[in-house]
C-alpha atoms as a PDB file:
ATOM      1  CA  MET A   1      -9.596 -15.828  -8.412  1.00  0.00           C
ATOM      2  CA  SER A   2      -8.509 -12.732 -10.265  1.00  0.00           C
ATOM      3  CA  THR A   3     -11.067 -10.825 -12.307  1.00  0.00           C
ATOM      4  CA  THR A   4      -8.593  -8.099 -13.116  1.00  0.00           C
ATOM      5  CA  ALA A   5      -8.005  -7.147 -16.724  1.00  0.00           C
ATOM      6  CA  PRO A   6      -4.950  -4.860 -16.540  1.00  0.00           C
ATOM      7  CA  THR A   7      -5.040  -2.165 -19.200  1.00  0.00           C
ATOM      8  CA  SER A   8      -1.318  -1.503 -18.817  1.00  0.00           C
ATOM      9  CA  ALA A   9      -0.187  -5.015 -19.672  1.00  0.00           C
ATOM     10  CA  VAL A  10       1.991  -3.742 -22.534  1.00  0.00           C
ATOM     11  CA  LEU A  11       3.720  -1.074 -20.466  1.00  0.00           C
ATOM     12  CA  PRO A  12       7.339  -1.813 -19.534  1.00  0.00           C
ATOM     13  CA  THR A  13       8.697  -1.362 -16.021  1.00  0.00           C
ATOM     14  CA  ALA A  14       8.820   2.221 -14.717  1.00  0.00           C
ATOM     15  CA  PRO A  15      12.225   3.839 -15.425  1.00  0.00           C
ATOM     16  CA  TRP A  16      12.759   4.683 -11.734  1.00  0.00           C
ATOM     17  CA  LYS A  17      11.882   1.309 -10.221  1.00  0.00           C
ATOM     18  CA  SER A  18      15.201  -0.535 -10.540  1.00  0.00           C
ATOM     19  CA  LEU A  19      17.252   2.225  -8.882  1.00  0.00           C
ATOM     20  CA  PHE A  20      14.581   2.733  -6.228  1.00  0.00           C
ATOM     21  CA  LYS A  21      14.779  -0.959  -5.287  1.00  0.00           C
ATOM     22  CA  GLN A  22      18.588  -0.828  -5.194  1.00  0.00           C
ATOM     23  CA  HIS A  23      18.523   2.176  -2.875  1.00  0.00           C
ATOM     24  CA  ILE A  24      15.827   0.808  -0.549  1.00  0.00           C
ATOM     25  CA  SER A  25      17.743  -2.479  -0.233  1.00  0.00           C
ATOM     26  CA  LYS A  26      20.614  -0.540   1.391  1.00  0.00           C
ATOM     27  CA  MET A  27      18.451   0.725   4.243  1.00  0.00           C
ATOM     28  CA  PRO A  28      18.636  -1.135   7.590  1.00  0.00           C
ATOM     29  CA  SER A  29      14.832  -0.855   7.655  1.00  0.00           C
ATOM     30  CA  PRO A  30      12.822   0.464   4.664  1.00  0.00           C
ATOM     31  CA  GLN A  31      10.983   3.092   6.711  1.00  0.00           C
ATOM     32  CA  PHE A  32       9.216   5.979   5.041  1.00  0.00           C
ATOM     33  CA  VAL A  33       7.024   8.889   6.061  1.00  0.00           C
ATOM     34  CA  LEU A  34       3.448   8.616   4.804  1.00  0.00           C
ATOM     35  CA  SER A  35       1.294  11.738   4.633  1.00  0.00           C
ATOM     36  CA  THR A  36      -2.482  11.612   4.304  1.00  0.00           C
ATOM     37  CA  LEU A  37      -5.340  14.098   4.506  1.00  0.00           C
ATOM     38  CA  ALA A  38      -7.721  14.183   7.455  1.00  0.00           C
ATOM     39  CA  VAL A  39     -11.079  15.939   7.405  1.00  0.00           C
ATOM     40  CA  ALA A  40     -10.674  19.213   9.307  1.00  0.00           C
ATOM     41  CA  PRO A  41     -12.889  20.058  12.299  1.00  0.00           C
ATOM     42  CA  SER A  42     -15.985  22.174  11.709  1.00  0.00           C
ATOM     43  CA  GLY A  43     -15.114  25.848  11.347  1.00  0.00           C
ATOM     44  CA  SER A  44     -11.572  25.205  10.095  1.00  0.00           C
ATOM     45  CA  PRO A  45     -10.361  27.538   7.291  1.00  0.00           C
ATOM     46  CA  THR A  46      -9.400  24.491   5.207  1.00  0.00           C
ATOM     47  CA  PRO A  47     -11.361  21.290   4.522  1.00  0.00           C
ATOM     48  CA  TYR A  48      -8.421  18.941   5.166  1.00  0.00           C
ATOM     49  CA  LEU A  49      -5.406  18.809   7.481  1.00  0.00           C
ATOM     50  CA  PRO A  50      -2.123  16.930   6.860  1.00  0.00           C
ATOM     51  CA  ARG A  51      -1.236  13.889   8.917  1.00  0.00           C
ATOM     52  CA  ALA A  52       2.094  12.015   8.811  1.00  0.00           C
ATOM     53  CA  ARG A  53       3.589   8.874  10.325  1.00  0.00           C
ATOM     54  CA  TYR A  54       6.330   6.304   9.661  1.00  0.00           C
ATOM     55  CA  CYS A  55       5.454   3.106   7.809  1.00  0.00           C
ATOM     56  CA  ILE A  56       7.417   0.116   6.507  1.00  0.00           C
ATOM     57  CA  PHE A  57       7.710  -0.584   2.781  1.00  0.00           C
ATOM     58  CA  ARG A  58       6.565  -4.178   2.143  1.00  0.00           C
ATOM     59  CA  GLY A  59       7.526  -4.491  -1.517  1.00  0.00           C
ATOM     60  CA  PHE A  60       5.596  -3.900  -4.732  1.00  0.00           C
ATOM     61  CA  TRP A  61       2.069  -5.184  -5.205  1.00  0.00           C
ATOM     62  CA  THR A  62       1.993  -8.639  -6.882  1.00  0.00           C
ATOM     63  CA  GLU A  63       5.752  -9.033  -6.204  1.00  0.00           C
ATOM     64  CA  LEU A  64       5.709 -10.464  -2.696  1.00  0.00           C
ATOM     65  CA  PRO A  65       9.277 -10.595  -1.298  1.00  0.00           C
ATOM     66  CA  GLU A  66      10.659 -14.074  -0.638  1.00  0.00           C
ATOM     67  CA  ASN A  67      10.436 -15.177   2.981  1.00  0.00           C
ATOM     68  CA  LYS A  68      11.398 -18.714   3.972  1.00  0.00           C
ATOM     69  CA  HIS A  69       9.344 -18.373   7.161  1.00  0.00           C
ATOM     70  CA  ASN A  70       6.136 -17.574   5.276  1.00  0.00           C
ATOM     71  CA  GLU A  71       3.924 -20.666   5.153  1.00  0.00           C
ATOM     72  CA  ALA A  72       1.155 -19.010   3.138  1.00  0.00           C
ATOM     73  CA  GLU A  73       0.292 -20.348  -0.299  1.00  0.00           C
ATOM     74  CA  ARG A  74       1.924 -18.122  -2.906  1.00  0.00           C
ATOM     75  CA  ASN A  75       0.418 -16.813  -6.109  1.00  0.00           C
ATOM     76  CA  PRO A  76       2.236 -17.693  -9.326  1.00  0.00           C
ATOM     77  CA  ARG A  77       4.227 -14.732 -10.677  1.00  0.00           C
ATOM     78  CA  VAL A  78       1.518 -13.616 -13.112  1.00  0.00           C
ATOM     79  CA  TYR A  79       1.726  -9.858 -12.653  1.00  0.00           C
ATOM     80  CA  GLU A  80       4.249  -7.127 -11.931  1.00  0.00           C
ATOM     81  CA  SER A  81       3.557  -3.557 -10.822  1.00  0.00           C
ATOM     82  CA  ASP A  82       5.222  -0.294  -9.839  1.00  0.00           C
ATOM     83  CA  CYS A  83       2.929   0.135  -6.820  1.00  0.00           C
ATOM     84  CA  PRO A  84       4.587   0.233  -3.369  1.00  0.00           C
ATOM     85  CA  THR A  85       2.731  -1.448  -0.511  1.00  0.00           C
ATOM     86  CA  PHE A  86       2.603  -1.322   3.269  1.00  0.00           C
ATOM     87  CA  THR A  87       0.435  -3.021   5.869  1.00  0.00           C
ATOM     88  CA  THR A  88      -1.728  -1.440   8.531  1.00  0.00           C
ATOM     89  CA  ASP A  89      -4.512  -2.001  11.036  1.00  0.00           C
ATOM     90  CA  VAL A  90      -8.006  -1.006   9.904  1.00  0.00           C
ATOM     91  CA  ARG A  91      -8.477   0.630  13.304  1.00  0.00           C
ATOM     92  CA  MET A  92      -5.706   3.134  12.583  1.00  0.00           C
ATOM     93  CA  GLU A  93      -6.764   6.666  11.631  1.00  0.00           C
ATOM     94  CA  LYS A  94      -4.932   6.551   8.312  1.00  0.00           C
ATOM     95  CA  VAL A  95      -7.379   3.985   6.911  1.00  0.00           C
ATOM     96  CA  GLY A  96     -10.375   6.229   7.479  1.00  0.00           C
ATOM     97  CA  GLN A  97      -8.453   9.147   5.990  1.00  0.00           C
ATOM     98  CA  LEU A  98      -7.799   7.201   2.784  1.00  0.00           C
ATOM     99  CA  PHE A  99     -11.557   6.690   2.420  1.00  0.00           C
ATOM    100  CA  GLU A 100     -12.689  10.152   3.579  1.00  0.00           C
ATOM    101  CA  SER A 101     -10.364  12.006   1.194  1.00  0.00           C
ATOM    102  CA  SER A 102     -11.133   9.739  -1.773  1.00  0.00           C
ATOM    103  CA  ALA A 103     -13.575  10.411  -4.577  1.00  0.00           C
ATOM    104  CA  GLY A 104     -16.207   8.464  -2.614  1.00  0.00           C
ATOM    105  CA  HIS A 105     -15.815  10.624   0.528  1.00  0.00           C
ATOM    106  CA  ALA A 106     -16.768   7.817   2.919  1.00  0.00           C
ATOM    107  CA  GLN A 107     -18.150   9.216   6.162  1.00  0.00           C
ATOM    108  CA  LYS A 108     -19.526   6.200   8.059  1.00  0.00           C
ATOM    109  CA  LYS A 109     -17.419   3.717  10.001  1.00  0.00           C
ATOM    110  CA  GLU A 110     -18.870   0.751   8.158  1.00  0.00           C
ATOM    111  CA  GLN A 111     -17.819   2.280   4.824  1.00  0.00           C
ATOM    112  CA  VAL A 112     -14.130   1.974   5.685  1.00  0.00           C
ATOM    113  CA  GLN A 113     -14.150  -1.639   6.899  1.00  0.00           C
ATOM    114  CA  GLY A 114     -13.699  -3.231   3.475  1.00  0.00           C
ATOM    115  CA  SER A 115     -11.613  -2.677   0.369  1.00  0.00           C
ATOM    116  CA  GLY A 116     -11.509   0.675  -1.387  1.00  0.00           C
ATOM    117  CA  GLY A 117     -10.312   4.148  -0.530  1.00  0.00           C
ATOM    118  CA  GLY A 118      -8.071   5.930  -3.004  1.00  0.00           C
ATOM    119  CA  GLY A 119      -7.287   9.104  -1.078  1.00  0.00           C
ATOM    120  CA  PRO A 120      -4.184  11.150  -1.993  1.00  0.00           C
ATOM    121  CA  VAL A 121      -0.918  10.318  -0.247  1.00  0.00           C
ATOM    122  CA  GLU A 122       2.740  11.278  -0.311  1.00  0.00           C
ATOM    123  CA  ALA A 123       5.450   8.823   0.744  1.00  0.00           C
ATOM    124  CA  VAL A 124       9.039   9.936   1.396  1.00  0.00           C
ATOM    125  CA  TRP A 125      12.158   7.817   1.920  1.00  0.00           C
ATOM    126  CA  TRP A 126      15.494   9.342   2.936  1.00  0.00           C
ATOM    127  CA  VAL A 127      18.182   6.810   1.978  1.00  0.00           C
ATOM    128  CA  GLU A 128      21.167   8.138   3.879  1.00  0.00           C
ATOM    129  CA  GLU A 129      23.386   5.329   2.580  1.00  0.00           C
ATOM    130  CA  VAL A 130      23.274   6.837  -0.939  1.00  0.00           C
ATOM    131  CA  GLY A 131      22.387  10.437  -0.103  1.00  0.00           C
ATOM    132  CA  THR A 132      19.095  10.302  -1.990  1.00  0.00           C
ATOM    133  CA  GLN A 133      15.507  11.186  -1.172  1.00  0.00           C
ATOM    134  CA  TRP A 134      12.608   9.450  -2.909  1.00  0.00           C
ATOM    135  CA  ARG A 135       9.175  11.075  -2.939  1.00  0.00           C
ATOM    136  CA  VAL A 136       6.137   9.175  -4.246  1.00  0.00           C
ATOM    137  CA  LYS A 137       2.867  11.026  -4.811  1.00  0.00           C
ATOM    138  CA  GLY A 138      -0.297   9.172  -5.685  1.00  0.00           C
ATOM    139  CA  ARG A 139      -3.437   7.486  -4.395  1.00  0.00           C
ATOM    140  CA  ALA A 140      -3.648   4.726  -1.805  1.00  0.00           C
ATOM    141  CA  PHE A 141      -6.115   1.842  -1.921  1.00  0.00           C
ATOM    142  CA  VAL A 142      -6.932  -0.529   0.937  1.00  0.00           C
ATOM    143  CA  VAL A 143      -7.244  -4.286   0.405  1.00  0.00           C
ATOM    144  CA  ALA A 144      -9.356  -6.266   2.894  1.00  0.00           C
ATOM    145  CA  ASP A 145     -10.598  -9.852   3.014  1.00  0.00           C
ATOM    146  CA  ASP A 146     -13.755  -8.862   1.143  1.00  0.00           C
ATOM    147  CA  VAL A 147     -11.690  -8.439  -2.033  1.00  0.00           C
ATOM    148  CA  GLU A 148     -12.901 -11.798  -3.336  1.00  0.00           C
ATOM    149  CA  GLY A 149     -16.187 -12.193  -1.574  1.00  0.00           C
ATOM    150  CA  ASP A 150     -15.038 -13.746   1.692  1.00  0.00           C
ATOM    151  CA  GLU A 151     -17.778 -11.726   3.394  1.00  0.00           C
ATOM    152  CA  GLY A 152     -20.436 -12.489   0.805  1.00  0.00           C
ATOM    153  CA  ASP A 153     -20.250  -9.391  -1.378  1.00  0.00           C
ATOM    154  CA  GLY A 154     -16.927  -9.307  -3.185  1.00  0.00           C
ATOM    155  CA  GLU A 155     -17.412  -7.764  -6.604  1.00  0.00           C
ATOM    156  CA  GLY A 156     -20.742  -6.298  -5.469  1.00  0.00           C
ATOM    157  CA  ARG A 157     -18.974  -3.761  -3.266  1.00  0.00           C
ATOM    158  CA  SER A 158     -18.181  -0.466  -4.961  1.00  0.00           C
ATOM    159  CA  GLY A 159     -14.896  -0.263  -3.046  1.00  0.00           C
ATOM    160  CA  VAL A 160     -13.777  -3.622  -4.424  1.00  0.00           C
ATOM    161  CA  ARG A 161     -14.673  -2.583  -7.966  1.00  0.00           C
ATOM    162  CA  THR A 162     -12.785   0.694  -7.610  1.00  0.00           C
ATOM    163  CA  LEU A 163      -9.746  -1.037  -6.117  1.00  0.00           C
ATOM    164  CA  LYS A 164      -9.507  -3.648  -8.861  1.00  0.00           C
ATOM    165  CA  SER A 165     -10.112  -1.113 -11.602  1.00  0.00           C
ATOM    166  CA  GLU A 166      -7.562   1.490 -10.483  1.00  0.00           C
ATOM    167  CA  VAL A 167      -4.839  -0.886  -9.281  1.00  0.00           C
ATOM    168  CA  GLY A 168      -5.494  -3.261 -12.164  1.00  0.00           C
ATOM    169  CA  LYS A 169      -4.543  -0.521 -14.620  1.00  0.00           C
ATOM    170  CA  ARG A 170      -1.004  -0.651 -13.203  1.00  0.00           C
ATOM    171  CA  MET A 171      -0.653  -4.446 -13.040  1.00  0.00           C
ATOM    172  CA  ARG A 172       1.430  -5.746 -15.935  1.00  0.00           C
ATOM    173  CA  LEU A 173       0.536  -9.234 -17.137  1.00  0.00           C
ATOM    174  CA  VAL A 174       3.744 -11.253 -17.493  1.00  0.00           C
ATOM    175  CA  ASP A 175       2.393 -14.831 -17.650  1.00  0.00           C
ATOM    176  CA  GLU A 176      -0.954 -15.072 -19.406  1.00  0.00           C
ATOM    177  CA  SER A 177      -0.985 -18.879 -19.139  1.00  0.00           C
ATOM    178  CA  LYS A 178      -1.517 -18.706 -15.354  1.00  0.00           C
ATOM    179  CA  GLU A 179      -3.683 -15.596 -15.156  1.00  0.00           C
ATOM    180  CA  LYS A 180      -6.744 -17.507 -13.930  1.00  0.00           C
ATOM    181  CA  GLU A 181      -4.698 -19.009 -11.092  1.00  0.00           C
ATOM    182  CA  TRP A 182      -3.887 -15.634  -9.546  1.00  0.00           C
ATOM    183  CA  SER A 183      -5.943 -14.551  -6.526  1.00  0.00           C
ATOM    184  CA  TRP A 184      -6.251 -11.183  -4.770  1.00  0.00           C
ATOM    185  CA  ALA A 185      -7.172 -12.905  -1.508  1.00  0.00           C
ATOM    186  CA  ARG A 186      -4.163 -15.227  -1.730  1.00  0.00           C
ATOM    187  CA  GLU A 187      -1.893 -12.204  -2.209  1.00  0.00           C
ATOM    188  CA  VAL A 188      -3.342 -10.583   0.925  1.00  0.00           C
ATOM    189  CA  GLU A 189      -2.745 -13.742   2.957  1.00  0.00           C
ATOM    190  CA  GLY A 190       0.795 -13.892   1.565  1.00  0.00           C
ATOM    191  CA  CYS A 191       1.391 -10.346   2.804  1.00  0.00           C
ATOM    192  CA  PHE A 192       0.089 -11.352   6.236  1.00  0.00           C
ATOM    193  CA  GLY A 193       2.367 -14.380   6.218  1.00  0.00           C
ATOM    194  CA  ASN A 194       5.381 -12.210   5.405  1.00  0.00           C
ATOM    195  CA  CYS A 195       4.876 -10.404   8.713  1.00  0.00           C
ATOM    196  CA  SER A 196       6.591 -11.845  11.785  1.00  0.00           C
ATOM    197  CA  PRO A 197       4.415 -13.518  14.473  1.00  0.00           C
ATOM    198  CA  GLY A 198       4.958 -10.424  16.628  1.00  0.00           C
ATOM    199  CA  ILE A 199       3.758  -8.044  13.909  1.00  0.00           C
ATOM    200  CA  ARG A 200       0.776 -10.306  13.214  1.00  0.00           C
ATOM    201  CA  GLY A 201       0.065 -10.204  16.931  1.00  0.00           C
ATOM    202  CA  SER A 202      -0.079  -6.402  16.845  1.00  0.00           C
ATOM    203  CA  PHE A 203      -3.391  -6.740  14.996  1.00  0.00           C
ATOM    204  CA  ARG A 204      -4.746  -8.310  18.181  1.00  0.00           C
ATOM    205  CA  ALA A 205      -3.646  -5.394  20.372  1.00  0.00           C
ATOM    206  CA  PRO A 206      -6.148  -3.125  22.177  1.00  0.00           C
ATOM    207  CA  HIS A 207      -7.830  -0.520  19.990  1.00  0.00           C
ATOM    208  CA  PRO A 208      -5.220   2.123  18.970  1.00  0.00           C
ATOM    209  CA  GLY A 209      -5.721   5.445  20.728  1.00  0.00           C
ATOM    210  CA  THR A 210      -7.974   4.079  23.463  1.00  0.00           C
ATOM    211  CA  PRO A 211      -7.094   5.357  26.958  1.00  0.00           C
ATOM    212  CA  VAL A 212      -5.180   2.760  28.962  1.00  0.00           C
ATOM    213  CA  SER A 213      -7.478   3.551  31.891  1.00  0.00           C
ATOM    214  CA  GLN A 214     -10.386   2.031  29.972  1.00  0.00           C
ATOM    215  CA  THR A 215     -10.266  -1.715  30.460  1.00  0.00           C
ATOM    216  CA  SER A 216     -11.022  -3.551  27.230  1.00  0.00           C
ATOM    217  CA  LYS A 217     -14.052  -5.835  27.375  1.00  0.00           C
ATOM    218  CA  ASP A 218     -12.574  -7.906  24.572  1.00  0.00           C
ATOM    219  CA  LYS A 219     -10.204 -10.401  26.223  1.00  0.00           C
ATOM    220  CA  GLU A 220      -8.827 -11.394  22.799  1.00  0.00           C
ATOM    221  CA  LEU A 221      -7.117  -8.007  22.473  1.00  0.00           C
ATOM    222  CA  GLN A 222      -3.762  -7.955  24.261  1.00  0.00           C
ATOM    223  CA  LEU A 223      -0.274  -6.547  23.768  1.00  0.00           C
ATOM    224  CA  GLY A 224       2.650  -8.822  22.946  1.00  0.00           C
ATOM    225  CA  VAL A 225       0.656 -11.644  21.356  1.00  0.00           C
ATOM    226  CA  GLN A 226       2.519 -13.963  18.953  1.00  0.00           C
ATOM    227  CA  VAL A 227       0.274 -15.047  16.070  1.00  0.00           C
ATOM    228  CA  LYS A 228       1.358 -18.058  14.033  1.00  0.00           C
ATOM    229  CA  ASP A 229      -2.016 -18.991  12.550  1.00  0.00           C
ATOM    230  CA  LEU A 230      -2.304 -17.326   9.123  1.00  0.00           C
ATOM    231  CA  LYS A 231      -6.089 -17.402   9.442  1.00  0.00           C
ATOM    232  CA  ASP A 232      -6.308 -16.056  12.993  1.00  0.00           C
ATOM    233  CA  PRO A 233      -9.812 -14.502  12.899  1.00  0.00           C
ATOM    234  CA  VAL A 234      -9.092 -11.533  15.151  1.00  0.00           C
ATOM    235  CA  ALA A 235      -5.804 -10.494  13.547  1.00  0.00           C
ATOM    236  CA  ARG A 236      -7.096 -11.011  10.005  1.00  0.00           C
ATOM    237  CA  LYS A 237     -10.206  -8.946  10.734  1.00  0.00           C
ATOM    238  CA  ASN A 238      -7.962  -5.961  11.473  1.00  0.00           C
ATOM    239  CA  PHE A 239      -5.180  -6.605   8.939  1.00  0.00           C
ATOM    240  CA  ARG A 240      -5.041  -4.537   5.748  1.00  0.00           C
ATOM    241  CA  VAL A 241      -2.686  -4.194   2.792  1.00  0.00           C
ATOM    242  CA  VAL A 242      -2.397  -0.689   1.345  1.00  0.00           C
ATOM    243  CA  ILE A 243      -1.325  -0.169  -2.270  1.00  0.00           C
ATOM    244  CA  ILE A 244       0.055   3.176  -3.427  1.00  0.00           C
ATOM    245  CA  VAL A 245      -0.693   3.883  -7.091  1.00  0.00           C
ATOM    246  CA  PRO A 246       2.046   6.393  -7.978  1.00  0.00           C
ATOM    247  CA  ASP A 247       1.296   9.356 -10.226  1.00  0.00           C
ATOM    248  CA  SER A 248       4.581  11.173  -9.601  1.00  0.00           C
ATOM    249  CA  VAL A 249       7.975  10.012  -8.323  1.00  0.00           C
ATOM    250  CA  GLU A 250      10.878  12.313  -7.481  1.00  0.00           C
ATOM    251  CA  GLN A 251      14.470  11.196  -6.923  1.00  0.00           C
ATOM    252  CA  THR A 252      16.612  13.918  -5.324  1.00  0.00           C
ATOM    253  CA  ASP A 253      20.274  12.917  -5.493  1.00  0.00           C
ATOM    254  CA  LEU A 254      22.358  14.866  -2.967  1.00  0.00           C
ATOM    255  CA  SER A 255      25.274  12.426  -2.830  1.00  0.00           C
ATOM    256  CA  ASP A 256      27.589  14.940  -4.544  1.00  0.00           C
ATOM    257  CA  PRO A 257      26.787  18.613  -3.758  1.00  0.00           C
ATOM    258  CA  ALA A 258      28.546  19.716  -6.944  1.00  0.00           C
ATOM    259  CA  LYS A 259      26.326  17.481  -9.115  1.00  0.00           C
ATOM    260  CA  ALA A 260      23.078  17.416  -7.139  1.00  0.00           C
ATOM    261  CA  ARG A 261      20.005  16.763  -9.258  1.00  0.00           C
ATOM    262  CA  ARG A 262      16.311  16.070  -8.936  1.00  0.00           C
ATOM    263  CA  TYR A 263      14.593  13.735 -11.381  1.00  0.00           C
ATOM    264  CA  ARG A 264      10.833  13.910 -11.665  1.00  0.00           C
ATOM    265  CA  TYR A 265       8.937  10.987 -13.201  1.00  0.00           C
ATOM    266  CA  THR A 266       5.298  11.713 -14.041  1.00  0.00           C
ATOM    267  CA  PHE A 267       2.934   8.942 -15.078  1.00  0.00           C
ATOM    268  CA  ASP A 268       1.558   9.505 -18.559  1.00  0.00           C
ATOM    269  CA  GLU A 269       0.086   6.450 -20.236  1.00  0.00           C
ATOM    270  CA  SER A 270       0.600   8.022 -23.662  1.00  0.00           C
ATOM    271  CA  THR A 271       4.385   7.704 -23.232  1.00  0.00           C
ATOM    272  CA  ARG A 272       4.371   3.923 -23.435  1.00  0.00           C
ATOM    273  CA  ALA A 273       7.880   3.698 -24.903  1.00  0.00           C
ATOM    274  CA  ASN A 274       9.302   4.778 -21.544  1.00  0.00           C
ATOM    275  CA  GLY A 275       7.079   2.774 -19.253  1.00  0.00           C
ATOM    276  CA  GLY A 276       4.268   5.331 -19.285  1.00  0.00           C
ATOM    277  CA  TRP A 277       6.427   7.895 -17.510  1.00  0.00           C
ATOM    278  CA  ARG A 278       7.746  11.322 -18.528  1.00  0.00           C
ATOM    279  CA  THR A 279      11.162  12.161 -17.074  1.00  0.00           C
ATOM    280  CA  GLU A 280      12.447  15.639 -16.206  1.00  0.00           C
ATOM    281  CA  GLU A 281      15.884  16.587 -14.866  1.00  0.00           C
ATOM    282  CA  LEU A 282      15.632  19.456 -12.381  1.00  0.00           C
ATOM    283  CA  TRP A 283      17.807  21.471 -10.029  1.00  0.00           C
ATOM    284  CA  PRO A 284      17.380  20.083  -6.526  1.00  0.00           C
END
């Protein structure tokens, strides 16, 4: 069950969130570009190099979108947050980058298999339907099945403690009466259940980036698998939820060239009256 004690429980919703959700809902697919930092090769003039790829927005953490096809047990609506999420495969390079560029600077493969991370990211949506670009800058944390001790450690892992501390600060408590019923692990399974059987099956595909000429010794890894079992051991081993904790959000409205504006929202917990965010109106 949840051991989170959100420090931002009294903060209202971020001032940008409602419009962001309206805009994203108009997109045929809520795709965005995610940029991370990768450790540069030895001898490089800079310690990190940028890496970018398209991802799919899966809703805000603790606010799992309704899906009539999802058979997973749902958490009660105990929390809200302003933290966008996406899902990924732990074998993807971006996961290691989120750990390597974090304060912990994980360097070993085993250090990136569980929950944790916190490396800097930038996520950008271009919503052509409304002529607006949204840019979210912050830190991204990875949630794995060890988040509640499924692998024996749970709270004993430093990555789990960091995840719950940093994300918990942005989780607003909206129903204290059911707080003890809320589970991090149940939320992860709900996210897995919200994926289609084909997407779930992608977590049983051959190792990303491996040459096709190398025949996989693991017969459980194949393309095109349909996974209906929410507890499929192979798919769940590779499945991860990633939570972006936003520190800055920019809305660039180009819908009318004569009135174009950029609005920058910067998280500042001291400005509680406006959701903990400072707002600036800028030229685009």
